[in-house]
């Protein structure tokens, strides 16, 4: 196994361990480089021959992006119809259980939404909530990855705007 690095604008944006680079995604401006150095990681600078550790600002900003991603995932909720449903871990487990019950779900269950309104829970609604949760997670994760790439490509990571451009969450 070899360590392969995707490099964009002289900055490592992804690290892979693979037998060959054949299946790694490349695109405009992205090159794939191999290394034997286990320490090289995301944010490291590549000058064409050697890697250097990133300034601390890159690491700090990536932590801020991850924090915003996680906050939106766990507290932002997801919208189905006119209502927003909770996205914290306990709610997700309950929603998954309702989805798994399907037609065996007890009738008459009233579900509290993020606004405080109660709606009748049905197998159809449980499925819609499950789908909305998956779509929300994918969207939020994709934005975080795009923000990471943008931040790594800038020469001023400490001033990168990591708070704009996210999918809407409850209350926004």
N, C-alpha and C. Protein backbone atom coordinates (compact mmCIF):
# COMPACT_ATOMS: atom_id res chain seq x y z
N UNK A 1 0.83 -1.18 0.00
CA UNK A 1 0.00 0.00 0.00
C UNK A 1 0.88 1.25 0.00
N UNK A 2 0.42 2.24 -0.74
CA UNK A 2 1.15 3.49 -0.88
C UNK A 2 0.25 4.64 -0.43
N UNK A 3 0.86 5.70 0.06
CA UNK A 3 0.12 6.90 0.43
C UNK A 3 0.05 7.80 -0.80
N UNK A 4 -1.18 8.15 -1.20
CA UNK A 4 -1.40 9.07 -2.32
C UNK A 4 -2.09 10.31 -1.80
N UNK A 5 -1.69 11.44 -2.34
CA UNK A 5 -2.21 12.72 -1.90
C UNK A 5 -2.81 13.47 -3.09
N UNK A 6 -4.00 14.01 -2.90
CA UNK A 6 -4.58 14.90 -3.90
C UNK A 6 -4.12 16.30 -3.54
N UNK A 7 -3.56 17.01 -4.54
CA UNK A 7 -3.01 18.34 -4.30
C UNK A 7 -3.73 19.33 -5.21
N UNK A 8 -4.22 20.41 -4.61
CA UNK A 8 -4.88 21.49 -5.35
C UNK A 8 -4.20 22.79 -4.94
N UNK A 9 -3.75 23.55 -5.94
CA UNK A 9 -3.06 24.82 -5.67
C UNK A 9 -1.94 24.66 -4.66
N UNK A 10 -1.17 23.60 -4.83
CA UNK A 10 0.01 23.30 -4.00
C UNK A 10 -0.34 22.95 -2.56
N UNK A 11 -1.60 22.59 -2.29
CA UNK A 11 -2.02 22.22 -0.94
C UNK A 11 -2.67 20.85 -0.99
N UNK A 12 -2.29 19.97 -0.05
CA UNK A 12 -2.89 18.64 0.05
C UNK A 12 -4.34 18.79 0.51
N UNK A 13 -5.28 18.25 -0.29
CA UNK A 13 -6.69 18.35 0.07
C UNK A 13 -7.29 16.99 0.47
N UNK A 14 -6.58 15.89 0.21
CA UNK A 14 -7.09 14.58 0.58
C UNK A 14 -5.93 13.58 0.63
N UNK A 15 -6.04 12.59 1.51
CA UNK A 15 -5.01 11.56 1.66
C UNK A 15 -5.68 10.20 1.48
N UNK A 16 -5.03 9.33 0.69
CA UNK A 16 -5.55 7.98 0.44
C UNK A 16 -4.42 6.97 0.61
N UNK A 17 -4.77 5.81 1.09
CA UNK A 17 -3.83 4.69 1.11
C UNK A 17 -4.42 3.66 0.16
N UNK A 18 -3.67 3.33 -0.89
CA UNK A 18 -4.19 2.44 -1.93
C UNK A 18 -3.05 1.69 -2.59
N UNK A 19 -3.42 0.67 -3.38
CA UNK A 19 -2.42 -0.08 -4.14
C UNK A 19 -1.94 0.70 -5.35
N UNK A 20 -2.86 1.51 -5.93
CA UNK A 20 -2.49 2.32 -7.09
C UNK A 20 -3.36 3.57 -7.11
N UNK A 21 -2.93 4.59 -7.85
CA UNK A 21 -3.70 5.83 -7.92
C UNK A 21 -4.79 5.79 -8.99
N UNK A 22 -4.99 4.64 -9.64
CA UNK A 22 -5.88 4.57 -10.79
C UNK A 22 -7.31 5.01 -10.51
N UNK A 23 -7.84 4.73 -9.33
CA UNK A 23 -9.24 5.05 -9.04
C UNK A 23 -9.43 6.36 -8.30
N UNK A 24 -8.35 7.11 -8.08
CA UNK A 24 -8.46 8.38 -7.36
C UNK A 24 -9.00 9.46 -8.30
N UNK A 25 -9.86 10.28 -7.75
CA UNK A 25 -10.50 11.33 -8.53
C UNK A 25 -9.53 12.47 -8.77
N UNK A 26 -9.45 12.89 -10.01
CA UNK A 26 -8.69 14.08 -10.35
C UNK A 26 -9.64 15.04 -11.04
N UNK A 27 -9.24 16.24 -11.16
CA UNK A 27 -10.07 17.24 -11.79
C UNK A 27 -9.22 18.45 -12.13
N UNK A 28 -9.87 19.52 -12.52
CA UNK A 28 -9.12 20.72 -12.88
C UNK A 28 -8.23 21.19 -11.74
N UNK A 29 -6.95 21.22 -11.98
CA UNK A 29 -6.01 21.69 -10.98
C UNK A 29 -5.61 20.69 -9.93
N UNK A 30 -6.23 19.50 -9.91
CA UNK A 30 -5.92 18.50 -8.89
C UNK A 30 -4.90 17.52 -9.45
N UNK A 31 -3.81 17.33 -8.71
CA UNK A 31 -2.82 16.33 -9.09
C UNK A 31 -2.73 15.29 -7.98
N UNK A 32 -2.27 14.11 -8.35
CA UNK A 32 -2.10 13.03 -7.38
C UNK A 32 -0.61 12.77 -7.25
N UNK A 33 -0.13 12.78 -6.00
CA UNK A 33 1.28 12.61 -5.70
C UNK A 33 1.40 11.49 -4.67
N UNK A 34 2.45 10.68 -4.77
CA UNK A 34 2.66 9.64 -3.76
C UNK A 34 3.75 10.08 -2.80
N UNK A 35 3.72 9.50 -1.62
CA UNK A 35 4.74 9.80 -0.62
C UNK A 35 4.93 8.58 0.28
N UNK A 36 6.04 8.54 0.96
CA UNK A 36 6.28 7.50 1.96
C UNK A 36 6.23 8.10 3.37
N UNK A 37 6.02 9.42 3.44
CA UNK A 37 5.99 10.12 4.71
C UNK A 37 4.61 10.01 5.35
N UNK A 38 4.49 9.26 6.43
CA UNK A 38 3.21 9.06 7.13
C UNK A 38 2.69 10.33 7.78
N UNK A 39 3.52 11.34 7.95
CA UNK A 39 3.11 12.55 8.64
C UNK A 39 2.38 13.54 7.75
N UNK A 40 2.56 13.44 6.44
CA UNK A 40 1.93 14.40 5.52
C UNK A 40 0.43 14.24 5.59
N UNK A 41 -0.28 15.36 5.68
CA UNK A 41 -1.74 15.30 5.77
C UNK A 41 -2.40 16.47 5.09
N UNK A 42 -3.70 16.54 5.28
CA UNK A 42 -4.49 17.61 4.68
C UNK A 42 -3.97 18.96 5.17
N UNK A 43 -3.84 19.89 4.21
CA UNK A 43 -3.36 21.23 4.52
C UNK A 43 -1.87 21.42 4.32
N UNK A 44 -1.13 20.31 4.16
CA UNK A 44 0.30 20.44 3.94
C UNK A 44 0.55 21.07 2.57
N UNK A 45 1.64 21.82 2.47
CA UNK A 45 1.98 22.52 1.23
C UNK A 45 2.99 21.68 0.45
N UNK A 46 2.76 21.58 -0.87
CA UNK A 46 3.63 20.81 -1.76
C UNK A 46 4.21 21.75 -2.81
N UNK A 47 5.54 21.85 -2.85
CA UNK A 47 6.17 22.78 -3.80
C UNK A 47 6.61 22.10 -5.10
N UNK A 48 6.20 20.87 -5.30
CA UNK A 48 6.60 20.12 -6.49
C UNK A 48 7.63 19.06 -6.19
N UNK A 49 8.34 19.22 -5.07
CA UNK A 49 9.33 18.22 -4.69
C UNK A 49 9.21 17.79 -3.23
N UNK A 50 8.81 18.70 -2.35
CA UNK A 50 8.72 18.34 -0.94
C UNK A 50 7.47 18.94 -0.29
N UNK A 51 7.12 18.36 0.86
CA UNK A 51 5.95 18.79 1.62
C UNK A 51 6.40 19.54 2.86
N UNK A 52 5.63 20.56 3.23
CA UNK A 52 5.87 21.27 4.49
C UNK A 52 4.55 21.37 5.25
N UNK A 53 4.66 21.33 6.57
CA UNK A 53 3.46 21.37 7.42
C UNK A 53 2.74 22.71 7.23
N UNK A 54 1.41 22.68 7.34
CA UNK A 54 0.66 23.92 7.15
C UNK A 54 0.81 24.85 8.34
N UNK A 55 0.59 26.13 8.10
CA UNK A 55 0.55 27.03 9.25
C UNK A 55 -0.60 26.62 10.16
N UNK A 56 -0.51 26.92 11.43
CA UNK A 56 -1.54 26.55 12.39
C UNK A 56 -2.91 27.10 12.01
N UNK A 57 -2.95 28.22 11.28
CA UNK A 57 -4.22 28.83 10.88
C UNK A 57 -5.09 27.86 10.08
N UNK A 58 -4.50 27.03 9.24
CA UNK A 58 -5.27 26.07 8.46
C UNK A 58 -5.95 25.05 9.37
N UNK A 59 -5.19 24.54 10.33
CA UNK A 59 -5.74 23.55 11.25
C UNK A 59 -6.86 24.15 12.10
N UNK A 60 -6.66 25.38 12.57
CA UNK A 60 -7.69 26.04 13.38
C UNK A 60 -8.96 26.26 12.56
N UNK A 61 -8.82 26.71 11.33
CA UNK A 61 -10.00 26.98 10.51
C UNK A 61 -10.72 25.68 10.17
N UNK A 62 -10.00 24.61 9.94
CA UNK A 62 -10.66 23.33 9.65
C UNK A 62 -11.47 22.88 10.86
N UNK A 63 -10.97 23.10 12.05
CA UNK A 63 -11.73 22.76 13.26
C UNK A 63 -13.01 23.60 13.35
N UNK A 64 -12.94 24.86 12.95
CA UNK A 64 -14.14 25.71 12.96
C UNK A 64 -15.16 25.22 11.93
N UNK A 65 -14.70 24.84 10.74
CA UNK A 65 -15.60 24.31 9.71
C UNK A 65 -16.26 23.03 10.21
N UNK A 66 -15.47 22.13 10.79
CA UNK A 66 -16.03 20.89 11.32
C UNK A 66 -17.05 21.16 12.42
N UNK A 67 -16.78 22.13 13.26
CA UNK A 67 -17.70 22.47 14.33
C UNK A 67 -19.02 22.98 13.79
N UNK A 68 -18.96 23.82 12.77
CA UNK A 68 -20.20 24.33 12.17
C UNK A 68 -20.96 23.21 11.48
N UNK A 69 -20.24 22.33 10.81
CA UNK A 69 -20.87 21.16 10.18
C UNK A 69 -21.61 20.32 11.22
N UNK A 70 -20.95 20.03 12.30
CA UNK A 70 -21.54 19.18 13.34
C UNK A 70 -22.71 19.87 14.03
N UNK A 71 -22.60 21.18 14.25
CA UNK A 71 -23.69 21.93 14.87
C UNK A 71 -24.94 21.89 14.00
N UNK A 72 -24.76 22.12 12.72
CA UNK A 72 -25.90 22.12 11.80
C UNK A 72 -26.51 20.72 11.67
N UNK A 73 -25.67 19.70 11.69
CA UNK A 73 -26.17 18.33 11.59
C UNK A 73 -26.98 17.94 12.81
N UNK A 74 -26.50 18.29 13.99
CA UNK A 74 -27.16 17.81 15.20
C UNK A 74 -28.24 18.73 15.74
N UNK A 75 -28.24 20.00 15.37
CA UNK A 75 -29.25 20.91 15.92
C UNK A 75 -30.06 21.64 14.87
N UNK A 76 -29.69 21.53 13.61
CA UNK A 76 -30.35 22.31 12.56
C UNK A 76 -31.70 21.81 12.14
N UNK A 77 -31.97 20.52 12.37
CA UNK A 77 -33.24 19.93 11.96
C UNK A 77 -33.30 19.72 10.46
N UNK A 78 -34.43 19.17 10.02
CA UNK A 78 -34.69 19.00 8.60
C UNK A 78 -36.17 19.18 8.35
N UNK A 79 -36.46 19.78 7.20
CA UNK A 79 -37.83 20.18 6.89
C UNK A 79 -38.53 19.12 6.05
N UNK A 80 -39.76 18.81 6.47
CA UNK A 80 -40.65 17.94 5.69
C UNK A 80 -41.98 18.67 5.63
N UNK A 81 -42.40 19.02 4.43
CA UNK A 81 -43.64 19.78 4.29
C UNK A 81 -43.51 21.12 4.98
N UNK A 82 -44.45 21.43 5.86
CA UNK A 82 -44.45 22.71 6.56
C UNK A 82 -43.72 22.66 7.90
N UNK A 83 -43.17 21.52 8.27
CA UNK A 83 -42.62 21.33 9.61
C UNK A 83 -41.13 20.98 9.57
N UNK A 84 -40.46 21.41 10.65
CA UNK A 84 -39.06 21.05 10.87
C UNK A 84 -39.01 20.00 11.97
N UNK A 85 -38.20 18.96 11.75
CA UNK A 85 -38.07 17.87 12.71
C UNK A 85 -36.67 17.88 13.31
N UNK A 86 -36.59 17.50 14.58
CA UNK A 86 -35.33 17.52 15.32
C UNK A 86 -34.30 16.58 14.69
N UNK A 87 -33.01 16.98 14.78
CA UNK A 87 -31.94 16.18 14.18
C UNK A 87 -30.89 15.73 15.20
N UNK A 88 -31.18 15.88 16.49
CA UNK A 88 -30.24 15.40 17.50
C UNK A 88 -30.21 13.87 17.47
N UNK A 89 -29.23 13.28 18.12
CA UNK A 89 -29.04 11.82 18.06
C UNK A 89 -30.25 11.03 18.56
N UNK A 90 -30.84 11.46 19.68
CA UNK A 90 -31.99 10.73 20.22
C UNK A 90 -33.15 10.77 19.25
N UNK A 91 -33.43 11.94 18.68
CA UNK A 91 -34.52 12.06 17.70
C UNK A 91 -34.26 11.19 16.48
N UNK A 92 -33.03 11.17 16.04
CA UNK A 92 -32.69 10.34 14.86
C UNK A 92 -32.96 8.86 15.14
N UNK A 93 -32.61 8.42 16.32
CA UNK A 93 -32.84 7.01 16.67
C UNK A 93 -34.34 6.73 16.70
N UNK A 94 -35.09 7.62 17.30
CA UNK A 94 -36.54 7.44 17.36
C UNK A 94 -37.15 7.44 15.96
N UNK A 95 -36.69 8.36 15.11
CA UNK A 95 -37.22 8.45 13.75
C UNK A 95 -36.87 7.20 12.95
N UNK A 96 -35.67 6.70 13.14
CA UNK A 96 -35.27 5.47 12.45
C UNK A 96 -36.14 4.30 12.91
N UNK A 97 -36.40 4.23 14.21
CA UNK A 97 -37.25 3.15 14.73
C UNK A 97 -38.65 3.23 14.13
N UNK A 98 -39.20 4.42 14.03
CA UNK A 98 -40.53 4.58 13.42
C UNK A 98 -40.52 4.14 11.96
N UNK A 99 -39.46 4.49 11.25
CA UNK A 99 -39.33 4.09 9.85
C UNK A 99 -39.27 2.58 9.74
N UNK A 100 -38.53 1.95 10.64
CA UNK A 100 -38.40 0.49 10.60
C UNK A 100 -39.71 -0.21 10.96
N UNK A 101 -40.51 0.42 11.80
CA UNK A 101 -41.82 -0.16 12.15
C UNK A 101 -42.74 -0.21 10.95
N UNK A 102 -42.61 0.77 10.07
CA UNK A 102 -43.45 0.80 8.88
C UNK A 102 -44.92 0.71 9.22
N UNK A 103 -45.61 -0.22 8.59
CA UNK A 103 -47.05 -0.40 8.79
C UNK A 103 -47.39 -0.86 10.21
N UNK A 104 -46.41 -1.35 10.95
CA UNK A 104 -46.65 -1.81 12.32
C UNK A 104 -46.55 -0.67 13.35
N UNK A 105 -46.37 0.56 12.87
CA UNK A 105 -46.29 1.69 13.76
C UNK A 105 -47.63 1.85 14.50
N UNK A 106 -47.58 2.12 15.79
CA UNK A 106 -48.84 2.33 16.52
C UNK A 106 -49.60 3.53 15.94
N UNK A 107 -50.90 3.44 15.90
CA UNK A 107 -51.69 4.56 15.38
C UNK A 107 -51.88 5.59 16.49
N UNK A 108 -52.14 6.81 16.06
CA UNK A 108 -52.42 7.88 17.02
C UNK A 108 -51.20 8.52 17.63
N UNK A 109 -50.01 8.21 17.15
CA UNK A 109 -48.80 8.83 17.69
C UNK A 109 -48.73 10.28 17.20
N UNK A 110 -48.60 11.21 18.14
CA UNK A 110 -48.44 12.63 17.80
C UNK A 110 -46.97 13.00 18.01
N UNK A 111 -46.36 13.60 16.99
CA UNK A 111 -44.92 13.88 17.03
C UNK A 111 -44.69 15.38 17.17
N UNK A 112 -43.84 15.75 18.12
CA UNK A 112 -43.55 17.16 18.36
C UNK A 112 -42.49 17.65 17.39
N UNK A 113 -42.77 18.76 16.72
CA UNK A 113 -41.84 19.35 15.77
C UNK A 113 -40.98 20.40 16.46
N UNK A 114 -40.04 20.97 15.75
CA UNK A 114 -39.15 21.97 16.33
C UNK A 114 -39.88 23.24 16.73
N UNK A 115 -41.01 23.53 16.09
CA UNK A 115 -41.79 24.73 16.45
C UNK A 115 -42.64 24.49 17.69
N UNK A 116 -42.74 23.25 18.13
CA UNK A 116 -43.58 22.91 19.27
C UNK A 116 -44.93 22.37 18.85
N UNK A 117 -45.25 22.45 17.56
CA UNK A 117 -46.52 21.91 17.05
C UNK A 117 -46.43 20.39 17.03
N UNK A 118 -47.58 19.74 17.20
CA UNK A 118 -47.65 18.29 17.12
C UNK A 118 -48.31 17.89 15.81
N UNK A 119 -47.76 16.84 15.17
CA UNK A 119 -48.34 16.33 13.93
C UNK A 119 -48.55 14.82 14.07
N UNK A 120 -49.58 14.29 13.41
CA UNK A 120 -49.79 12.84 13.49
C UNK A 120 -48.68 12.09 12.74
N UNK A 121 -48.03 11.16 13.42
CA UNK A 121 -46.97 10.38 12.80
C UNK A 121 -47.58 9.21 12.04
N UNK A 122 -47.14 9.05 10.81
CA UNK A 122 -47.59 7.95 9.96
C UNK A 122 -46.36 7.28 9.36
N UNK A 123 -46.50 6.07 8.84
CA UNK A 123 -45.36 5.44 8.17
C UNK A 123 -44.84 6.29 7.01
N UNK A 124 -45.73 6.95 6.29
CA UNK A 124 -45.30 7.81 5.18
C UNK A 124 -44.47 8.98 5.69
N UNK A 125 -44.96 9.64 6.75
CA UNK A 125 -44.22 10.77 7.31
C UNK A 125 -42.87 10.31 7.86
N UNK A 126 -42.83 9.18 8.53
CA UNK A 126 -41.57 8.67 9.07
C UNK A 126 -40.56 8.45 7.94
N UNK A 127 -41.03 7.90 6.82
CA UNK A 127 -40.15 7.71 5.67
C UNK A 127 -39.66 9.02 5.09
N UNK A 128 -40.54 10.02 5.05
CA UNK A 128 -40.15 11.34 4.54
C UNK A 128 -39.12 12.00 5.45
N UNK A 129 -39.30 11.84 6.76
CA UNK A 129 -38.33 12.39 7.70
C UNK A 129 -36.97 11.71 7.51
N UNK A 130 -36.98 10.40 7.37
CA UNK A 130 -35.74 9.64 7.16
C UNK A 130 -35.02 10.12 5.89
N UNK A 131 -35.78 10.31 4.82
CA UNK A 131 -35.19 10.79 3.56
C UNK A 131 -34.67 12.21 3.69
N UNK A 132 -35.42 13.06 4.39
CA UNK A 132 -34.97 14.44 4.60
C UNK A 132 -33.69 14.49 5.43
N UNK A 133 -33.59 13.60 6.42
CA UNK A 133 -32.37 13.54 7.25
C UNK A 133 -31.17 13.15 6.40
N UNK A 134 -31.33 12.15 5.57
CA UNK A 134 -30.22 11.71 4.71
C UNK A 134 -29.82 12.82 3.74
N UNK A 135 -30.79 13.47 3.13
CA UNK A 135 -30.49 14.56 2.19
C UNK A 135 -29.79 15.71 2.90
N UNK A 136 -30.24 16.03 4.11
CA UNK A 136 -29.63 17.11 4.88
C UNK A 136 -28.18 16.77 5.23
N UNK A 137 -27.94 15.55 5.71
CA UNK A 137 -26.59 15.13 6.06
C UNK A 137 -25.64 15.22 4.86
N UNK A 138 -26.11 14.74 3.72
CA UNK A 138 -25.29 14.77 2.50
C UNK A 138 -24.97 16.21 2.11
N UNK A 139 -25.98 17.07 2.16
CA UNK A 139 -25.79 18.47 1.77
C UNK A 139 -24.82 19.18 2.70
N UNK A 140 -25.00 19.00 4.00
CA UNK A 140 -24.12 19.66 4.97
C UNK A 140 -22.69 19.15 4.84
N UNK A 141 -22.53 17.85 4.70
CA UNK A 141 -21.19 17.28 4.54
C UNK A 141 -20.51 17.81 3.27
N UNK A 142 -21.26 17.89 2.18
CA UNK A 142 -20.71 18.38 0.91
C UNK A 142 -20.25 19.83 1.03
N UNK A 143 -21.04 20.65 1.71
CA UNK A 143 -20.64 22.04 1.90
C UNK A 143 -19.37 22.11 2.74
N UNK A 144 -19.29 21.31 3.79
CA UNK A 144 -18.09 21.32 4.63
C UNK A 144 -16.85 20.94 3.84
N UNK A 145 -16.97 19.92 3.00
CA UNK A 145 -15.82 19.51 2.18
C UNK A 145 -15.43 20.60 1.18
N UNK A 146 -16.42 21.26 0.59
CA UNK A 146 -16.13 22.35 -0.35
C UNK A 146 -15.46 23.51 0.38
N UNK A 147 -15.94 23.80 1.58
CA UNK A 147 -15.34 24.88 2.37
C UNK A 147 -13.90 24.54 2.76
N UNK A 148 -13.66 23.27 3.09
CA UNK A 148 -12.29 22.85 3.41
C UNK A 148 -11.37 23.09 2.22
N UNK A 149 -11.81 22.68 1.03
CA UNK A 149 -10.99 22.85 -0.17
C UNK A 149 -10.74 24.33 -0.46
N UNK A 150 -11.79 25.15 -0.32
CA UNK A 150 -11.63 26.60 -0.55
C UNK A 150 -10.67 27.20 0.46
N UNK A 151 -10.81 26.81 1.73
CA UNK A 151 -9.96 27.35 2.77
C UNK A 151 -8.50 26.94 2.56
N UNK A 152 -8.29 25.68 2.16
CA UNK A 152 -6.93 25.21 1.94
C UNK A 152 -6.28 25.90 0.74
N UNK A 153 -7.10 26.38 -0.18
CA UNK A 153 -6.58 27.03 -1.38
C UNK A 153 -6.29 28.51 -1.17
N UNK A 154 -6.67 29.06 -0.03
CA UNK A 154 -6.43 30.49 0.22
C UNK A 154 -5.12 30.69 0.97
N UNK A 155 -4.55 31.84 0.79
CA UNK A 155 -3.31 32.15 1.52
C UNK A 155 -3.62 32.82 2.86
N UNK A 156 -4.90 33.07 3.13
CA UNK A 156 -5.30 33.72 4.38
C UNK A 156 -6.38 32.91 5.08
N UNK A 157 -6.06 31.71 5.56
CA UNK A 157 -7.08 30.85 6.17
C UNK A 157 -7.71 31.45 7.42
N UNK A 158 -7.00 32.27 8.15
CA UNK A 158 -7.54 32.82 9.39
C UNK A 158 -8.73 33.73 9.14
N UNK A 159 -8.86 34.28 7.95
CA UNK A 159 -9.96 35.20 7.65
C UNK A 159 -10.99 34.57 6.71
N UNK A 160 -10.88 33.26 6.48
CA UNK A 160 -11.83 32.58 5.59
C UNK A 160 -13.24 32.63 6.19
N UNK A 161 -14.23 32.94 5.36
CA UNK A 161 -15.64 33.01 5.81
C UNK A 161 -16.23 31.61 5.82
N UNK A 162 -16.18 30.97 6.97
CA UNK A 162 -16.67 29.59 7.08
C UNK A 162 -18.15 29.52 7.46
N UNK A 163 -18.79 30.64 7.76
CA UNK A 163 -20.16 30.61 8.24
C UNK A 163 -21.22 30.82 7.16
N UNK A 164 -20.84 31.31 6.00
CA UNK A 164 -21.85 31.54 4.95
C UNK A 164 -21.92 30.35 4.00
N UNK A 165 -23.06 30.25 3.31
CA UNK A 165 -23.19 29.25 2.25
C UNK A 165 -23.67 27.88 2.69
N UNK A 166 -24.08 27.72 3.93
CA UNK A 166 -24.56 26.43 4.41
C UNK A 166 -26.03 26.26 4.06
N UNK A 167 -26.51 25.01 4.01
CA UNK A 167 -27.96 24.81 3.84
C UNK A 167 -28.70 25.41 5.03
N UNK A 168 -29.91 25.87 4.78
CA UNK A 168 -30.69 26.48 5.85
C UNK A 168 -30.99 25.47 6.96
N UNK A 169 -31.05 25.98 8.17
CA UNK A 169 -31.47 25.17 9.31
C UNK A 169 -32.65 25.87 9.97
N UNK A 170 -33.28 25.20 10.91
CA UNK A 170 -34.45 25.75 11.58
C UNK A 170 -34.15 27.12 12.17
N UNK A 171 -35.01 28.08 11.90
CA UNK A 171 -34.84 29.43 12.44
C UNK A 171 -34.10 30.38 11.54
N UNK A 172 -33.53 29.90 10.47
CA UNK A 172 -32.81 30.81 9.55
C UNK A 172 -33.73 31.26 8.43
